[in-house]
Amino acid sequence: AAQLGFDSPQFKSLVEVISRKTVEAPSLARVAVEFFVQLWNAEIPGA
């Protein structure tokens, strides 16, 4: 979804999905860490 842009409806929706208060903290942390590491190794430094 991030490939579509930080302001794309898909990315915004999934960010809201993973961060809902009903989502367990360990699950959220795991997804966020994996996503951030993947981003930091990707060729999209501007976004």
All heavy atoms as atom14 arrays in JSON, in Angstrom:
{
  "sequence": "AAQLGFDSPQFKSLVEVISRKTVEAPSLARVAVEFFVQLWNAEIPGA",
  "atom14_mask": [
    [1, 1, 1, 1, 1, 0, 0, 0, 0, 0, 0, 0, 0, 0],
    [1, 1, 1, 1, 1, 0, 0, 0, 0, 0, 0, 0, 0, 0],
    [1, 1, 1, 1, 1, 1, 1, 1, 1, 0, 0, 0, 0, 0],
    [1, 1, 1, 1, 1, 1, 1, 1, 0, 0, 0, 0, 0, 0],
    [1, 1, 1, 1, 0, 0, 0, 0, 0, 0, 0, 0, 0, 0],
    [1, 1, 1, 1, 1, 1, 1, 1, 1, 1, 1, 0, 0, 0],
    [1, 1, 1, 1, 1, 1, 1, 1, 0, 0, 0, 0, 0, 0],
    [1, 1, 1, 1, 1, 1, 0, 0, 0, 0, 0, 0, 0, 0],
    [1, 1, 1, 1, 1, 1, 1, 0, 0, 0, 0, 0, 0, 0],
    [1, 1, 1, 1, 1, 1, 1, 1, 1, 0, 0, 0, 0, 0],
    [1, 1, 1, 1, 1, 1, 1, 1, 1, 1, 1, 0, 0, 0],
    [1, 1, 1, 1, 1, 1, 1, 1, 1, 0, 0, 0, 0, 0],
    [1, 1, 1, 1, 1, 1, 0, 0, 0, 0, 0, 0, 0, 0],
    [1, 1, 1, 1, 1, 1, 1, 1, 0, 0, 0, 0, 0, 0],
    [1, 1, 1, 1, 1, 1, 1, 0, 0, 0, 0, 0, 0, 0],
    [1, 1, 1, 1, 1, 1, 1, 1, 1, 0, 0, 0, 0, 0],
    [1, 1, 1, 1, 1, 1, 1, 0, 0, 0, 0, 0, 0, 0],
    [1, 1, 1, 1, 1, 1, 1, 1, 0, 0, 0, 0, 0, 0],
    [1, 1, 1, 1, 1, 1, 0, 0, 0, 0, 0, 0, 0, 0],
    [1, 1, 1, 1, 1, 1, 1, 1, 1, 1, 1, 0, 0, 0],
    [1, 1, 1, 1, 1, 1, 1, 1, 1, 0, 0, 0, 0, 0],
    [1, 1, 1, 1, 1, 1, 1, 0, 0, 0, 0, 0, 0, 0],
    [1, 1, 1, 1, 1, 1, 1, 0, 0, 0, 0, 0, 0, 0],
    [1, 1, 1, 1, 1, 1, 1, 1, 1, 0, 0, 0, 0, 0],
    [1, 1, 1, 1, 1, 0, 0, 0, 0, 0, 0, 0, 0, 0],
    [1, 1, 1, 1, 1, 1, 1, 0, 0, 0, 0, 0, 0, 0],
    [1, 1, 1, 1, 1, 1, 0, 0, 0, 0, 0, 0, 0, 0],
    [1, 1, 1, 1, 1, 1, 1, 1, 0, 0, 0, 0, 0, 0],
    [1, 1, 1, 1, 1, 0, 0, 0, 0, 0, 0, 0, 0, 0],
    [1, 1, 1, 1, 1, 1, 1, 1, 1, 1, 1, 0, 0, 0],
    [1, 1, 1, 1, 1, 1, 1, 0, 0, 0, 0, 0, 0, 0],
    [1, 1, 1, 1, 1, 0, 0, 0, 0, 0, 0, 0, 0, 0],
    [1, 1, 1, 1, 1, 1, 1, 0, 0, 0, 0, 0, 0, 0],
    [1, 1, 1, 1, 1, 1, 1, 1, 1, 0, 0, 0, 0, 0],
    [1, 1, 1, 1, 1, 1, 1, 1, 1, 1, 1, 0, 0, 0],
    [1, 1, 1, 1, 1, 1, 1, 1, 1, 1, 1, 0, 0, 0],
    [1, 1, 1, 1, 1, 1, 1, 0, 0, 0, 0, 0, 0, 0],
    [1, 1, 1, 1, 1, 1, 1, 1, 1, 0, 0, 0, 0, 0],
    [1, 1, 1, 1, 1, 1, 1, 1, 0, 0, 0, 0, 0, 0],
    [1, 1, 1, 1, 1, 1, 1, 1, 1, 1, 1, 1, 1, 1],
    [1, 1, 1, 1, 1, 1, 1, 1, 0, 0, 0, 0, 0, 0],
    [1, 1, 1, 1, 1, 0, 0, 0, 0, 0, 0, 0, 0, 0],
    [1, 1, 1, 1, 1, 1, 1, 1, 1, 0, 0, 0, 0, 0],
    [1, 1, 1, 1, 1, 1, 1, 1, 0, 0, 0, 0, 0, 0],
    [1, 1, 1, 1, 1, 1, 1, 0, 0, 0, 0, 0, 0, 0],
    [1, 1, 1, 1, 0, 0, 0, 0, 0, 0, 0, 0, 0, 0],
    [1, 1, 1, 1, 1, 0, 0, 0, 0, 0, 0, 0, 0, 0]
  ],
  "atom14_positions": [
    [[0.83, -1.21, 0.0], [0.0, 0.0, 0.0], [0.87, 1.26, 0.0], [0.5, 2.27, -0.58], [-0.92, -0.01, 1.22], [0.0, 0.0, 0.0], [0.0, 0.0, 0.0], [0.0, 0.0, 0.0], [0.0, 0.0, 0.0], [0.0, 0.0, 0.0], [0.0, 0.0, 0.0], [0.0, 0.0, 0.0], [0.0, 0.0, 0.0], [0.0, 0.0, 0.0]],
    [[2.04, 1.17, 0.64], [2.94, 2.32, 0.7], [3.45, 2.7, -0.68], [3.77, 3.88, -0.92], [4.13, 2.01, 1.62], [0.0, 0.0, 0.0], [0.0, 0.0, 0.0], [0.0, 0.0, 0.0], [0.0, 0.0, 0.0], [0.0, 0.0, 0.0], [0.0, 0.0, 0.0], [0.0, 0.0, 0.0], [0.0, 0.0, 0.0], [0.0, 0.0, 0.0]],
    [[3.53, 1.74, -1.58], [3.99, 2.03, -2.93], [3.03, 2.97, -3.66], [3.38, 3.63, -4.63], [4.13, 0.74, -3.75], [4.96, -0.34, -3.08], [6.35, 0.12, -2.69], [7.11, 0.57, -3.53], [6.66, 0.03, -1.41], [0.0, 0.0, 0.0], [0.0, 0.0, 0.0], [0.0, 0.0, 0.0], [0.0, 0.0, 0.0], [0.0, 0.0, 0.0]],
    [[1.79, 3.03, -3.15], [0.78, 3.89, -3.75], [0.82, 5.31, -3.2], [0.12, 6.19, -3.68], [-0.62, 3.3, -3.51], [-0.82, 1.86, -4.02], [-2.18, 1.33, -3.59], [-0.67, 1.8, -5.53], [0.0, 0.0, 0.0], [0.0, 0.0, 0.0], [0.0, 0.0, 0.0], [0.0, 0.0, 0.0], [0.0, 0.0, 0.0], [0.0, 0.0, 0.0]],
    [[1.65, 5.5, -2.15], [1.8, 6.83, -1.58], [1.27, 6.93, -0.17], [0.31, 6.23, 0.18], [0.0, 0.0, 0.0], [0.0, 0.0, 0.0], [0.0, 0.0, 0.0], [0.0, 0.0, 0.0], [0.0, 0.0, 0.0], [0.0, 0.0, 0.0], [0.0, 0.0, 0.0], [0.0, 0.0, 0.0], [0.0, 0.0, 0.0], [0.0, 0.0, 0.0]],
    [[1.89, 7.79, 0.65], [1.48, 7.91, 2.05], [0.08, 8.49, 2.19], [-0.59, 8.3, 3.22], [2.48, 8.78, 2.82], [2.37, 10.25, 2.52], [1.58, 11.08, 3.3], [3.03, 10.81, 1.44], [1.46, 12.43, 3.01], [2.93, 12.15, 1.14], [2.14, 12.97, 1.93], [0.0, 0.0, 0.0], [0.0, 0.0, 0.0], [0.0, 0.0, 0.0]],
    [[-0.41, 9.18, 1.14], [-1.74, 9.78, 1.21], [-2.76, 8.97, 0.4], [-3.89, 9.43, 0.19], [-1.71, 11.22, 0.7], [-1.19, 11.33, -0.74], [-0.64, 10.32, -1.24], [-1.32, 12.41, -1.34], [0.0, 0.0, 0.0], [0.0, 0.0, 0.0], [0.0, 0.0, 0.0], [0.0, 0.0, 0.0], [0.0, 0.0, 0.0], [0.0, 0.0, 0.0]],
    [[-2.39, 7.76, -0.03], [-3.34, 6.93, -0.78], [-4.4, 6.37, 0.17], [-4.12, 6.11, 1.34], [-2.61, 5.77, -1.48], [-2.1, 4.86, -0.52], [0.0, 0.0, 0.0], [0.0, 0.0, 0.0], [0.0, 0.0, 0.0], [0.0, 0.0, 0.0], [0.0, 0.0, 0.0], [0.0, 0.0, 0.0], [0.0, 0.0, 0.0], [0.0, 0.0, 0.0]],
    [[-5.62, 6.17, -0.31], [-6.67, 5.6, 0.55], [-6.29, 4.24, 1.1], [-6.63, 3.92, 2.25], [-7.88, 5.51, -0.4], [-7.6, 6.5, -1.47], [-6.12, 6.52, -1.66], [0.0, 0.0, 0.0], [0.0, 0.0, 0.0], [0.0, 0.0, 0.0], [0.0, 0.0, 0.0], [0.0, 0.0, 0.0], [0.0, 0.0, 0.0], [0.0, 0.0, 0.0]],
    [[-5.58, 3.44, 0.29], [-5.2, 2.1, 0.74], [-4.24, 2.17, 1.93], [-4.42, 1.45, 2.92], [-4.55, 1.32, -0.4], [-5.48, 1.0, -1.56], [-5.47, 2.07, -2.64], [-5.23, 3.25, -2.38], [-5.72, 1.67, -3.87], [0.0, 0.0, 0.0], [0.0, 0.0, 0.0], [0.0, 0.0, 0.0], [0.0, 0.0, 0.0], [0.0, 0.0, 0.0]],
    [[-3.23, 3.01, 1.82], [-2.25, 3.1, 2.9], [-2.9, 3.67, 4.16], [-2.7, 3.16, 5.26], [-1.06, 3.97, 2.48], [0.03, 4.03, 3.52], [0.8, 2.91, 3.81], [0.27, 5.19, 4.23], [1.79, 2.95, 4.77], [1.26, 5.25, 5.19], [2.03, 4.12, 5.47], [0.0, 0.0, 0.0], [0.0, 0.0, 0.0], [0.0, 0.0, 0.0]],
    [[-3.68, 4.71, 4.02], [-4.34, 5.32, 5.17], [-5.24, 4.31, 5.88], [-5.28, 4.25, 7.1], [-5.17, 6.53, 4.73], [-4.34, 7.75, 4.34], [-5.26, 8.9, 3.94], [-4.47, 10.16, 3.62], [-5.38, 11.28, 3.22], [0.0, 0.0, 0.0], [0.0, 0.0, 0.0], [0.0, 0.0, 0.0], [0.0, 0.0, 0.0], [0.0, 0.0, 0.0]],
    [[-5.97, 3.53, 5.09], [-6.88, 2.55, 5.68], [-6.12, 1.47, 6.45], [-6.49, 1.13, 7.58], [-7.72, 1.89, 4.58], [-8.52, 0.85, 5.11], [0.0, 0.0, 0.0], [0.0, 0.0, 0.0], [0.0, 0.0, 0.0], [0.0, 0.0, 0.0], [0.0, 0.0, 0.0], [0.0, 0.0, 0.0], [0.0, 0.0, 0.0], [0.0, 0.0, 0.0]],
    [[-5.04, 0.94, 5.87], [-4.3, -0.12, 6.54], [-3.56, 0.39, 7.78], [-3.42, -0.34, 8.76], [-3.32, -0.79, 5.57], [-3.96, -1.57, 4.41], [-2.92, -2.43, 3.71], [-5.12, -2.44, 4.9], [0.0, 0.0, 0.0], [0.0, 0.0, 0.0], [0.0, 0.0, 0.0], [0.0, 0.0, 0.0], [0.0, 0.0, 0.0], [0.0, 0.0, 0.0]],
    [[-3.1, 1.63, 7.74], [-2.48, 2.22, 8.94], [-3.5, 2.28, 10.07], [-3.21, 1.95, 11.22], [-1.94, 3.64, 8.64], [-1.56, 4.36, 9.94], [-0.71, 3.54, 7.73], [0.0, 0.0, 0.0], [0.0, 0.0, 0.0], [0.0, 0.0, 0.0], [0.0, 0.0, 0.0], [0.0, 0.0, 0.0], [0.0, 0.0, 0.0], [0.0, 0.0, 0.0]],
    [[-4.72, 2.67, 9.73], [-5.78, 2.72, 10.74], [-6.11, 1.33, 11.24], [-6.35, 1.13, 12.44], [-7.02, 3.39, 10.12], [-8.08, 3.82, 11.13], [-9.05, 2.71, 11.47], [-9.28, 1.84, 10.6], [-9.56, 2.69, 12.61], [0.0, 0.0, 0.0], [0.0, 0.0, 0.0], [0.0, 0.0, 0.0], [0.0, 0.0, 0.0], [0.0, 0.0, 0.0]],
    [[-6.11, 0.35, 10.35], [-6.43, -1.03, 10.71], [-5.42, -1.59, 11.71], [-5.8, -2.17, 12.73], [-6.48, -1.93, 9.45], [-6.38, -3.41, 9.82], [-7.75, -1.66, 8.66], [0.0, 0.0, 0.0], [0.0, 0.0, 0.0], [0.0, 0.0, 0.0], [0.0, 0.0, 0.0], [0.0, 0.0, 0.0], [0.0, 0.0, 0.0], [0.0, 0.0, 0.0]],
    [[-4.14, -1.4, 11.45], [-3.12, -2.0, 12.32], [-2.96, -1.28, 13.64], [-2.43, -1.84, 14.61], [-1.74, -2.08, 11.63], [-1.15, -0.68, 11.42], [-1.81, -2.86, 10.33], [0.33, -0.69, 11.12], [0.0, 0.0, 0.0], [0.0, 0.0, 0.0], [0.0, 0.0, 0.0], [0.0, 0.0, 0.0], [0.0, 0.0, 0.0], [0.0, 0.0, 0.0]],
    [[-3.42, -0.02, 13.72], [-3.2, 0.78, 14.93], [-4.43, 0.9, 15.82], [-4.4, 1.59, 16.83], [-2.7, 2.17, 14.56], [-3.65, 2.85, 13.75], [0.0, 0.0, 0.0], [0.0, 0.0, 0.0], [0.0, 0.0, 0.0], [0.0, 0.0, 0.0], [0.0, 0.0, 0.0], [0.0, 0.0, 0.0], [0.0, 0.0, 0.0], [0.0, 0.0, 0.0]],
    [[-5.51, 0.24, 15.44], [-6.73, 0.32, 16.26], [-6.45, -0.11, 17.7], [-5.6, -0.97, 17.95], [-7.83, -0.56, 15.66], [-8.43, -0.01, 14.39], [-9.4, -0.97, 13.75], [-9.92, -0.43, 12.49], [-10.61, -1.14, 11.61], [-10.87, -2.41, 11.84], [-11.04, -0.57, 10.49], [0.0, 0.0, 0.0], [0.0, 0.0, 0.0], [0.0, 0.0, 0.0]],
    [[-7.18, 0.46, 18.62], [-6.98, 0.16, 20.03], [-7.27, -1.29, 20.37], [-6.81, -1.8, 21.39], [-7.83, 1.1, 20.89], [-7.42, 2.57, 20.78], [-8.33, 3.47, 21.59], [-7.87, 4.93, 21.51], [-7.89, 5.46, 20.15], [0.0, 0.0, 0.0], [0.0, 0.0, 0.0], [0.0, 0.0, 0.0], [0.0, 0.0, 0.0], [0.0, 0.0, 0.0]],
    [[-8.04, -1.97, 19.51], [-8.36, -3.38, 19.75], [-7.23, -4.32, 19.31], [-7.25, -5.5, 19.64], [-9.64, -3.76, 18.99], [-9.5, -3.41, 17.61], [-10.84, -3.03, 19.56], [0.0, 0.0, 0.0], [0.0, 0.0, 0.0], [0.0, 0.0, 0.0], [0.0, 0.0, 0.0], [0.0, 0.0, 0.0], [0.0, 0.0, 0.0], [0.0, 0.0, 0.0]],
    [[-6.26, -3.79, 18.57], [-5.13, -4.61, 18.11], [-4.15, -4.8, 19.26], [-3.76, -3.84, 19.94], [-4.4, -3.94, 16.92], [-3.17, -4.73, 16.51], [-5.36, -3.79, 15.74], [0.0, 0.0, 0.0], [0.0, 0.0, 0.0], [0.0, 0.0, 0.0], [0.0, 0.0, 0.0], [0.0, 0.0, 0.0], [0.0, 0.0, 0.0], [0.0, 0.0, 0.0]],
    [[-3.74, -6.04, 19.49], [-2.81, -6.32, 20.58], [-1.46, -5.67, 20.31], [-0.97, -5.68, 19.17], [-2.64, -7.83, 20.75], [-3.92, -8.53, 21.21], [-3.69, -10.02, 21.43], [-2.59, -10.51, 21.11], [-4.62, -10.68, 21.92], [0.0, 0.0, 0.0], [0.0, 0.0, 0.0], [0.0, 0.0, 0.0], [0.0, 0.0, 0.0], [0.0, 0.0, 0.0]],
    [[-0.87, -5.12, 21.37], [0.39, -4.38, 21.24], [1.51, -5.2, 20.59], [2.21, -4.69, 19.7], [0.83, -3.86, 22.6], [0.0, 0.0, 0.0], [0.0, 0.0, 0.0], [0.0, 0.0, 0.0], [0.0, 0.0, 0.0], [0.0, 0.0, 0.0], [0.0, 0.0, 0.0], [0.0, 0.0, 0.0], [0.0, 0.0, 0.0], [0.0, 0.0, 0.0]],
    [[1.73, -6.47, 20.98], [2.81, -7.24, 20.34], [2.62, -7.41, 18.84], [3.59, -7.37, 18.07], [2.75, -8.6, 21.06], [2.13, -8.29, 22.38], [1.12, -7.22, 22.09], [0.0, 0.0, 0.0], [0.0, 0.0, 0.0], [0.0, 0.0, 0.0], [0.0, 0.0, 0.0], [0.0, 0.0, 0.0], [0.0, 0.0, 0.0], [0.0, 0.0, 0.0]],
    [[1.37, -7.61, 18.42], [1.09, -7.76, 16.98], [1.38, -6.47, 16.23], [2.0, -6.48, 15.16], [-0.38, -8.16, 16.77], [-0.65, -9.41, 17.36], [0.0, 0.0, 0.0], [0.0, 0.0, 0.0], [0.0, 0.0, 0.0], [0.0, 0.0, 0.0], [0.0, 0.0, 0.0], [0.0, 0.0, 0.0], [0.0, 0.0, 0.0], [0.0, 0.0, 0.0]],
    [[0.94, -5.35, 16.8], [1.19, -4.06, 16.18], [2.68, -3.78, 16.1], [3.19, -3.33, 15.07], [0.47, -2.96, 16.97], [0.82, -1.51, 16.62], [0.67, -1.24, 15.13], [-0.07, -0.55, 17.42], [0.0, 0.0, 0.0], [0.0, 0.0, 0.0], [0.0, 0.0, 0.0], [0.0, 0.0, 0.0], [0.0, 0.0, 0.0], [0.0, 0.0, 0.0]],
    [[3.39, -4.04, 17.19], [4.84, -3.78, 17.22], [5.56, -4.61, 16.16], [6.44, -4.11, 15.46], [5.39, -4.08, 18.61], [0.0, 0.0, 0.0], [0.0, 0.0, 0.0], [0.0, 0.0, 0.0], [0.0, 0.0, 0.0], [0.0, 0.0, 0.0], [0.0, 0.0, 0.0], [0.0, 0.0, 0.0], [0.0, 0.0, 0.0], [0.0, 0.0, 0.0]],
    [[5.18, -5.87, 16.02], [5.84, -6.74, 15.04], [5.64, -6.24, 13.63], [6.59, -6.16, 12.83], [5.32, -8.17, 15.18], [5.99, -9.16, 14.24], [5.47, -10.57, 14.4], [4.08, -10.69, 14.01], [3.07, -10.79, 14.85], [3.3, -10.81, 16.16], [1.82, -10.9, 14.42], [0.0, 0.0, 0.0], [0.0, 0.0, 0.0], [0.0, 0.0, 0.0]],
    [[4.4, -5.89, 13.3], [4.1, -5.39, 11.95], [4.84, -4.08, 11.68], [5.43, -3.89, 10.61], [2.58, -5.2, 11.76], [2.28, -4.47, 10.45], [1.87, -6.55, 11.78], [0.0, 0.0, 0.0], [0.0, 0.0, 0.0], [0.0, 0.0, 0.0], [0.0, 0.0, 0.0], [0.0, 0.0, 0.0], [0.0, 0.0, 0.0], [0.0, 0.0, 0.0]],
    [[4.83, -3.18, 12.65], [5.48, -1.88, 12.47], [6.99, -2.03, 12.28], [7.58, -1.41, 11.4], [5.2, -0.98, 13.67], [0.0, 0.0, 0.0], [0.0, 0.0, 0.0], [0.0, 0.0, 0.0], [0.0, 0.0, 0.0], [0.0, 0.0, 0.0], [0.0, 0.0, 0.0], [0.0, 0.0, 0.0], [0.0, 0.0, 0.0], [0.0, 0.0, 0.0]],
    [[7.62, -2.88, 13.1], [9.06, -3.08, 12.99], [9.42, -3.66, 11.63], [10.34, -3.18, 10.95], [9.57, -4.0, 14.13], [11.03, -4.42, 13.86], [9.47, -3.3, 15.48], [0.0, 0.0, 0.0], [0.0, 0.0, 0.0], [0.0, 0.0, 0.0], [0.0, 0.0, 0.0], [0.0, 0.0, 0.0], [0.0, 0.0, 0.0], [0.0, 0.0, 0.0]],
    [[8.71, -4.69, 11.22], [8.99, -5.31, 9.92], [8.8, -4.31, 8.78], [9.61, -4.27, 7.84], [8.07, -6.52, 9.71], [8.39, -7.69, 10.64], [7.37, -8.82, 10.5], [6.37, -8.63, 9.75], [7.56, -9.88, 11.14], [0.0, 0.0, 0.0], [0.0, 0.0, 0.0], [0.0, 0.0, 0.0], [0.0, 0.0, 0.0], [0.0, 0.0, 0.0]],
    [[7.75, -3.51, 8.88], [7.46, -2.53, 7.84], [8.54, -1.45, 7.79], [9.03, -1.08, 6.72], [6.09, -1.89, 8.1], [5.74, -0.77, 7.17], [5.72, -0.95, 5.79], [5.44, 0.5, 7.67], [5.41, 0.09, 4.93], [5.12, 1.54, 6.82], [5.1, 1.34, 5.45], [0.0, 0.0, 0.0], [0.0, 0.0, 0.0], [0.0, 0.0, 0.0]],
    [[8.95, -0.94, 8.95], [9.97, 0.11, 8.98], [11.31, -0.38, 8.47], [12.01, 0.32, 7.73], [10.13, 0.65, 10.4], [8.92, 1.39, 10.92], [8.79, 1.67, 12.27], [7.91, 1.8, 10.07], [7.68, 2.35, 12.76], [6.79, 2.48, 10.53], [6.67, 2.76, 11.88], [0.0, 0.0, 0.0], [0.0, 0.0, 0.0], [0.0, 0.0, 0.0]],
    [[11.69, -1.59, 8.84], [12.95, -2.16, 8.36], [12.9, -2.33, 6.84], [13.87, -2.02, 6.13], [13.24, -3.51, 9.04], [14.4, -4.24, 8.35], [13.56, -3.3, 10.52], [0.0, 0.0, 0.0], [0.0, 0.0, 0.0], [0.0, 0.0, 0.0], [0.0, 0.0, 0.0], [0.0, 0.0, 0.0], [0.0, 0.0, 0.0], [0.0, 0.0, 0.0]],
    [[11.75, -2.8, 6.35], [11.59, -2.97, 4.9], [11.69, -1.62, 4.19], [12.32, -1.49, 3.14], [10.23, -3.62, 4.63], [10.1, -4.26, 3.26], [8.82, -5.08, 3.14], [8.0, -5.14, 4.05], [8.66, -5.73, 1.99], [0.0, 0.0, 0.0], [0.0, 0.0, 0.0], [0.0, 0.0, 0.0], [0.0, 0.0, 0.0], [0.0, 0.0, 0.0]],
    [[11.07, -0.6, 4.78], [11.13, 0.74, 4.19], [12.54, 1.28, 4.17], [12.96, 1.9, 3.2], [10.25, 1.7, 5.01], [8.79, 1.9, 4.62], [8.16, 2.93, 5.52], [8.67, 2.3, 3.16], [0.0, 0.0, 0.0], [0.0, 0.0, 0.0], [0.0, 0.0, 0.0], [0.0, 0.0, 0.0], [0.0, 0.0, 0.0], [0.0, 0.0, 0.0]],
    [[13.27, 1.05, 5.26], [14.63, 1.62, 5.36], [15.59, 0.95, 4.39], [16.67, 1.47, 4.14], [15.13, 1.52, 6.8], [15.55, 2.86, 7.31], [16.83, 3.3, 7.53], [14.69, 3.96, 7.62], [16.81, 4.6, 7.96], [15.51, 5.04, 8.02], [13.32, 4.17, 7.59], [15.0, 6.28, 8.39], [12.8, 5.38, 7.95], [13.64, 6.42, 8.35]],
    [[15.2, -0.19, 3.85], [16.04, -0.87, 2.86], [15.53, -0.65, 1.44], [16.1, -1.17, 0.49], [16.08, -2.37, 3.15], [16.96, -2.7, 4.33], [18.18, -2.73, 4.23], [16.34, -2.94, 5.48], [0.0, 0.0, 0.0], [0.0, 0.0, 0.0], [0.0, 0.0, 0.0], [0.0, 0.0, 0.0], [0.0, 0.0, 0.0], [0.0, 0.0, 0.0]],
    [[14.44, 0.1, 1.31], [13.83, 0.32, -0.01], [14.38, 1.58, -0.65], [14.91, 2.46, 0.02], [12.31, 0.41, 0.13], [0.0, 0.0, 0.0], [0.0, 0.0, 0.0], [0.0, 0.0, 0.0], [0.0, 0.0, 0.0], [0.0, 0.0, 0.0], [0.0, 0.0, 0.0], [0.0, 0.0, 0.0], [0.0, 0.0, 0.0], [0.0, 0.0, 0.0]],
    [[14.22, 1.66, -1.96], [14.71, 2.81, -2.72], [13.65, 3.9, -2.82], [13.3, 4.35, -3.91], [15.14, 2.35, -4.12], [16.29, 1.37, -4.11], [17.58, 2.0, -3.58], [17.78, 3.2, -3.8], [18.36, 1.28, -2.93], [0.0, 0.0, 0.0], [0.0, 0.0, 0.0], [0.0, 0.0, 0.0], [0.0, 0.0, 0.0], [0.0, 0.0, 0.0]],
    [[13.11, 4.3, -1.67], [12.1, 5.37, -1.69], [12.42, 6.38, -0.57], [11.57, 6.65, 0.28], [10.67, 4.82, -1.52], [10.6, 3.83, -0.35], [10.17, 4.2, -2.79], [9.2, 3.37, -0.05], [0.0, 0.0, 0.0], [0.0, 0.0, 0.0], [0.0, 0.0, 0.0], [0.0, 0.0, 0.0], [0.0, 0.0, 0.0], [0.0, 0.0, 0.0]],
    [[13.64, 6.91, -0.53], [14.04, 7.78, 0.57], [13.19, 9.04, 0.72], [12.97, 9.53, 1.82], [15.49, 8.15, 0.21], [15.58, 7.97, -1.27], [14.68, 6.81, -1.57], [0.0, 0.0, 0.0], [0.0, 0.0, 0.0], [0.0, 0.0, 0.0], [0.0, 0.0, 0.0], [0.0, 0.0, 0.0], [0.0, 0.0, 0.0], [0.0, 0.0, 0.0]],
    [[12.66, 9.57, -0.4], [11.89, 10.8, -0.32], [10.61, 10.65, 0.48], [10.21, 11.53, 1.23], [0.0, 0.0, 0.0], [0.0, 0.0, 0.0], [0.0, 0.0, 0.0], [0.0, 0.0, 0.0], [0.0, 0.0, 0.0], [0.0, 0.0, 0.0], [0.0, 0.0, 0.0], [0.0, 0.0, 0.0], [0.0, 0.0, 0.0], [0.0, 0.0, 0.0]],
    [[9.94, 9.5, 0.3], [8.65, 9.28, 0.97], [8.79, 8.5, 2.27], [7.82, 8.39, 3.03], [7.72, 8.53, 0.02], [0.0, 0.0, 0.0], [0.0, 0.0, 0.0], [0.0, 0.0, 0.0], [0.0, 0.0, 0.0], [0.0, 0.0, 0.0], [0.0, 0.0, 0.0], [0.0, 0.0, 0.0], [0.0, 0.0, 0.0], [0.0, 0.0, 0.0]]
  ]
}
